[in-house]
N, C-alpha and C. Protein backbone atom coordinates (compact mmCIF):
# COMPACT_ATOMS: atom_id res chain seq x y z
N MET A 1 -23.95 0.24 2.97
CA MET A 1 -22.62 0.49 3.33
C MET A 1 -21.66 -0.17 2.41
N THR A 2 -20.56 0.43 2.00
CA THR A 2 -19.66 -0.09 1.05
C THR A 2 -18.63 -1.00 1.81
N ASP A 3 -17.98 -1.88 1.01
CA ASP A 3 -16.96 -2.74 1.71
C ASP A 3 -15.81 -1.85 2.32
N PHE A 4 -15.43 -0.75 1.66
CA PHE A 4 -14.40 0.11 2.15
C PHE A 4 -14.84 0.69 3.48
N THR A 5 -16.10 1.11 3.63
CA THR A 5 -16.55 1.62 4.91
C THR A 5 -16.51 0.62 6.00
N ARG A 6 -17.00 -0.60 5.65
CA ARG A 6 -16.97 -1.69 6.51
C ARG A 6 -15.57 -1.99 7.05
N ARG A 7 -14.71 -1.90 6.22
CA ARG A 7 -13.25 -2.18 6.53
C ARG A 7 -12.70 -1.10 7.40
N ILE A 8 -13.06 0.19 7.13
CA ILE A 8 -12.65 1.24 8.05
C ILE A 8 -13.14 0.98 9.48
N TYR A 9 -14.35 0.58 9.57
CA TYR A 9 -15.01 0.34 10.86
C TYR A 9 -14.30 -0.88 11.54
N GLU A 10 -13.93 -1.79 10.77
CA GLU A 10 -13.20 -2.99 11.41
C GLU A 10 -11.82 -2.57 11.94
N VAL A 11 -11.12 -1.68 11.25
CA VAL A 11 -9.77 -1.15 11.64
C VAL A 11 -10.03 -0.39 12.91
N VAL A 12 -10.95 0.51 12.97
CA VAL A 12 -11.13 1.39 14.11
C VAL A 12 -11.57 0.56 15.31
N ARG A 13 -12.45 -0.40 15.14
CA ARG A 13 -12.78 -1.26 16.25
C ARG A 13 -11.69 -1.97 16.84
N ALA A 14 -10.64 -2.25 16.06
CA ALA A 14 -9.41 -3.02 16.56
C ALA A 14 -8.44 -2.18 17.31
N ILE A 15 -8.65 -0.80 17.31
CA ILE A 15 -7.76 0.03 18.14
C ILE A 15 -7.98 -0.25 19.66
N PRO A 16 -6.96 -0.65 20.36
CA PRO A 16 -7.12 -0.91 21.75
C PRO A 16 -7.39 0.43 22.63
N ALA A 17 -8.20 0.32 23.70
CA ALA A 17 -8.30 1.51 24.58
C ALA A 17 -6.96 1.90 25.02
N GLY A 18 -6.72 3.17 25.10
CA GLY A 18 -5.45 3.78 25.44
C GLY A 18 -4.47 4.02 24.32
N ARG A 19 -4.98 3.65 23.05
CA ARG A 19 -4.05 3.73 21.89
C ARG A 19 -4.80 4.60 20.85
N VAL A 20 -4.02 5.08 19.93
CA VAL A 20 -4.70 5.91 18.81
C VAL A 20 -4.10 5.54 17.52
N MET A 21 -4.79 5.92 16.49
CA MET A 21 -4.40 5.66 15.11
C MET A 21 -4.71 6.87 14.26
N SER A 22 -3.80 7.41 13.39
CA SER A 22 -4.07 8.50 12.63
C SER A 22 -5.04 8.18 11.51
N TYR A 23 -5.77 9.22 11.08
CA TYR A 23 -6.67 9.11 9.92
C TYR A 23 -5.97 8.47 8.72
N GLY A 24 -4.66 8.85 8.55
CA GLY A 24 -3.95 8.39 7.33
C GLY A 24 -3.72 6.83 7.44
N HIS A 25 -3.35 6.38 8.72
CA HIS A 25 -3.22 4.98 8.94
C HIS A 25 -4.49 4.09 8.82
N VAL A 26 -5.56 4.70 9.34
CA VAL A 26 -6.88 3.98 9.09
C VAL A 26 -7.14 3.90 7.64
N ALA A 27 -7.06 4.98 6.96
CA ALA A 27 -7.31 4.99 5.48
C ALA A 27 -6.36 4.04 4.71
N ALA A 28 -5.15 4.05 5.07
CA ALA A 28 -4.16 3.23 4.48
C ALA A 28 -4.49 1.74 4.66
N ARG A 29 -4.99 1.37 5.74
CA ARG A 29 -5.41 -0.09 5.98
C ARG A 29 -6.57 -0.41 5.16
N GLY A 30 -7.49 0.59 5.02
CA GLY A 30 -8.64 0.31 4.10
C GLY A 30 -8.27 0.18 2.62
N VAL A 31 -7.32 1.01 2.24
CA VAL A 31 -6.81 0.97 0.90
C VAL A 31 -5.99 -0.30 0.61
N GLY A 32 -5.22 -0.73 1.63
CA GLY A 32 -4.50 -1.97 1.53
C GLY A 32 -5.40 -3.17 1.44
N PHE A 33 -6.44 -3.14 2.14
CA PHE A 33 -7.46 -4.32 2.09
C PHE A 33 -8.06 -4.32 0.67
N ALA A 34 -8.38 -3.19 0.16
CA ALA A 34 -9.04 -3.17 -1.20
C ALA A 34 -8.02 -3.63 -2.24
N LEU A 35 -6.78 -3.08 -2.18
CA LEU A 35 -5.75 -3.47 -3.20
C LEU A 35 -5.40 -4.92 -3.08
N HIS A 36 -5.44 -5.45 -1.91
CA HIS A 36 -5.14 -6.99 -1.68
C HIS A 36 -6.17 -7.86 -2.34
N ARG A 37 -7.44 -7.21 -2.50
CA ARG A 37 -8.43 -8.04 -3.16
C ARG A 37 -8.63 -7.55 -4.62
N ASN A 38 -7.57 -7.01 -5.29
CA ASN A 38 -7.61 -6.43 -6.61
C ASN A 38 -8.17 -7.52 -7.48
N PRO A 39 -9.33 -7.25 -8.18
CA PRO A 39 -9.98 -8.23 -9.06
C PRO A 39 -9.35 -8.40 -10.38
N GLU A 40 -8.49 -7.40 -10.71
CA GLU A 40 -7.79 -7.46 -12.11
C GLU A 40 -6.20 -7.08 -11.93
N PRO A 41 -5.40 -8.03 -11.26
CA PRO A 41 -4.10 -7.78 -11.20
C PRO A 41 -3.51 -7.62 -12.61
N GLY A 42 -2.56 -6.62 -12.71
CA GLY A 42 -2.05 -6.36 -14.00
C GLY A 42 -2.83 -5.35 -14.86
N VAL A 43 -4.11 -5.20 -14.62
CA VAL A 43 -4.98 -4.21 -15.21
C VAL A 43 -5.03 -3.06 -14.26
N ILE A 44 -5.32 -3.32 -12.96
CA ILE A 44 -5.33 -2.27 -11.92
C ILE A 44 -3.96 -2.38 -11.33
N PRO A 45 -3.01 -1.36 -11.66
CA PRO A 45 -1.67 -1.40 -11.28
C PRO A 45 -1.33 -1.17 -9.82
N CYS A 46 -1.87 -2.06 -8.86
CA CYS A 46 -1.63 -1.84 -7.52
C CYS A 46 -0.18 -1.88 -7.10
N HIS A 47 0.67 -2.44 -7.90
CA HIS A 47 2.14 -2.39 -7.55
C HIS A 47 2.62 -0.91 -7.57
N ARG A 48 1.91 0.08 -8.13
CA ARG A 48 2.30 1.43 -8.07
C ARG A 48 1.94 2.13 -6.82
N VAL A 49 1.46 1.50 -5.79
CA VAL A 49 1.12 2.05 -4.61
C VAL A 49 2.16 1.66 -3.58
N VAL A 50 2.73 2.65 -2.88
CA VAL A 50 3.74 2.40 -1.93
C VAL A 50 3.46 3.26 -0.69
N PHE A 51 4.22 3.06 0.40
CA PHE A 51 4.05 3.93 1.58
C PHE A 51 4.41 5.36 1.32
N ARG A 52 4.03 6.31 2.04
CA ARG A 52 4.28 7.73 1.99
C ARG A 52 5.92 7.92 1.95
N ASP A 53 6.63 7.16 2.67
CA ASP A 53 8.09 7.30 2.66
C ASP A 53 8.81 6.54 1.60
N GLY A 54 8.01 5.90 0.70
CA GLY A 54 8.65 5.13 -0.45
C GLY A 54 8.80 3.69 -0.19
N SER A 55 8.52 3.25 0.99
CA SER A 55 8.75 1.82 1.39
C SER A 55 7.76 1.04 0.52
N ILE A 56 8.23 -0.20 0.22
CA ILE A 56 7.37 -1.19 -0.47
C ILE A 56 6.72 -2.06 0.50
N CYS A 57 5.47 -2.49 0.27
CA CYS A 57 4.75 -3.29 1.32
C CYS A 57 5.36 -4.66 1.40
N SER A 58 5.66 -4.98 2.59
CA SER A 58 6.24 -6.39 2.82
C SER A 58 5.25 -7.44 2.48
N GLY A 59 3.96 -7.12 2.46
CA GLY A 59 2.97 -8.12 2.23
C GLY A 59 2.37 -7.99 0.84
N TYR A 60 3.01 -7.50 -0.16
CA TYR A 60 2.58 -7.35 -1.49
C TYR A 60 1.83 -8.59 -1.98
N ALA A 61 0.56 -8.58 -2.25
CA ALA A 61 -0.27 -9.78 -2.43
C ALA A 61 0.09 -10.61 -3.70
N PHE A 62 0.76 -9.99 -4.64
CA PHE A 62 0.83 -10.61 -5.97
C PHE A 62 2.25 -11.00 -6.31
N GLY A 63 2.94 -11.72 -5.24
CA GLY A 63 4.17 -12.32 -5.41
C GLY A 63 5.28 -11.73 -4.41
N GLY A 64 4.88 -10.89 -3.56
CA GLY A 64 5.85 -10.40 -2.55
C GLY A 64 6.58 -9.10 -2.99
N PRO A 65 7.34 -8.47 -2.04
CA PRO A 65 7.98 -7.17 -2.30
C PRO A 65 8.95 -7.31 -3.51
N GLU A 66 9.64 -8.47 -3.71
CA GLU A 66 10.63 -8.57 -4.68
C GLU A 66 9.98 -8.33 -6.07
N VAL A 67 8.74 -8.91 -6.26
CA VAL A 67 7.99 -8.82 -7.48
C VAL A 67 7.61 -7.39 -7.69
N GLN A 68 7.03 -6.74 -6.59
CA GLN A 68 6.67 -5.37 -6.77
C GLN A 68 7.74 -4.46 -7.14
N ARG A 69 8.92 -4.68 -6.57
CA ARG A 69 10.13 -3.87 -6.98
C ARG A 69 10.50 -4.14 -8.38
N ARG A 70 10.46 -5.41 -8.85
CA ARG A 70 10.81 -5.67 -10.21
C ARG A 70 9.83 -4.96 -11.18
N LEU A 71 8.63 -5.02 -10.88
CA LEU A 71 7.66 -4.42 -11.75
C LEU A 71 7.82 -2.82 -11.89
N LEU A 72 8.16 -2.23 -10.65
CA LEU A 72 8.42 -0.86 -10.58
C LEU A 72 9.70 -0.47 -11.42
N GLU A 73 10.70 -1.24 -11.17
CA GLU A 73 12.05 -0.94 -11.85
C GLU A 73 11.79 -1.07 -13.38
N ALA A 74 10.99 -2.10 -13.84
CA ALA A 74 10.79 -2.26 -15.23
C ALA A 74 10.00 -1.06 -15.86
N GLU A 75 9.36 -0.32 -15.02
CA GLU A 75 8.65 0.97 -15.51
C GLU A 75 9.53 2.22 -15.35
N GLY A 76 10.69 2.06 -14.90
CA GLY A 76 11.65 3.17 -14.64
C GLY A 76 11.63 3.81 -13.39
N VAL A 77 10.95 3.25 -12.39
CA VAL A 77 10.89 3.83 -11.01
C VAL A 77 12.26 3.59 -10.38
N SER A 78 12.82 4.74 -9.84
CA SER A 78 14.12 4.71 -9.20
C SER A 78 14.06 4.48 -7.66
N PHE A 79 15.06 3.83 -7.14
CA PHE A 79 15.08 3.48 -5.69
C PHE A 79 16.29 4.11 -5.04
N LEU A 80 16.09 4.47 -3.79
CA LEU A 80 17.19 4.99 -2.99
C LEU A 80 18.10 3.90 -2.46
N ALA A 81 19.19 4.14 -1.97
CA ALA A 81 20.18 3.04 -1.51
C ALA A 81 19.55 2.19 -0.35
N ASP A 82 18.63 2.74 0.35
CA ASP A 82 17.92 2.02 1.45
C ASP A 82 16.85 1.16 1.02
N GLY A 83 16.49 1.12 -0.31
CA GLY A 83 15.46 0.29 -0.89
C GLY A 83 14.10 0.93 -1.00
N ARG A 84 13.93 2.16 -0.56
CA ARG A 84 12.75 2.82 -0.80
C ARG A 84 12.73 3.55 -2.12
N VAL A 85 11.48 3.72 -2.64
CA VAL A 85 11.18 4.44 -3.91
C VAL A 85 11.67 5.87 -3.76
N ASP A 86 12.31 6.45 -4.71
CA ASP A 86 12.70 7.78 -4.68
C ASP A 86 11.44 8.61 -4.92
N MET A 87 10.75 9.01 -3.90
CA MET A 87 9.49 9.72 -3.97
C MET A 87 9.66 11.18 -4.63
N GLU A 88 10.78 11.79 -4.44
CA GLU A 88 11.06 12.96 -4.97
C GLU A 88 11.05 12.95 -6.58
N MET A 89 11.66 11.84 -7.03
CA MET A 89 11.74 11.69 -8.48
C MET A 89 10.52 11.00 -9.11
N CYS A 90 9.97 10.12 -8.36
CA CYS A 90 8.89 9.28 -8.95
C CYS A 90 7.50 9.44 -8.28
N GLY A 91 7.39 10.20 -7.28
CA GLY A 91 6.14 10.35 -6.64
C GLY A 91 5.23 11.33 -7.41
N ILE A 92 3.87 11.22 -7.21
CA ILE A 92 2.93 12.19 -7.97
C ILE A 92 2.64 13.26 -6.83
């Protein structure tokens, strides 16, 4: 079993009875866990991963959201007035 699979099971076990979580949220938590443990910051550009709506992660592991925003701006990523990445212009 991979670490990613183990993390998915941990996330699903933590869903309380009477509540649900979407597949996307479960996967996002698994991805977040993997990126938080990035073995090569700067080489694996995890600062380029944001939420679907363009929001920056408040728990960005390598210096906080301000650092993530600075790194993205330095690469030419544009932001909306509310602080989210302009996904229409910069999303893949």
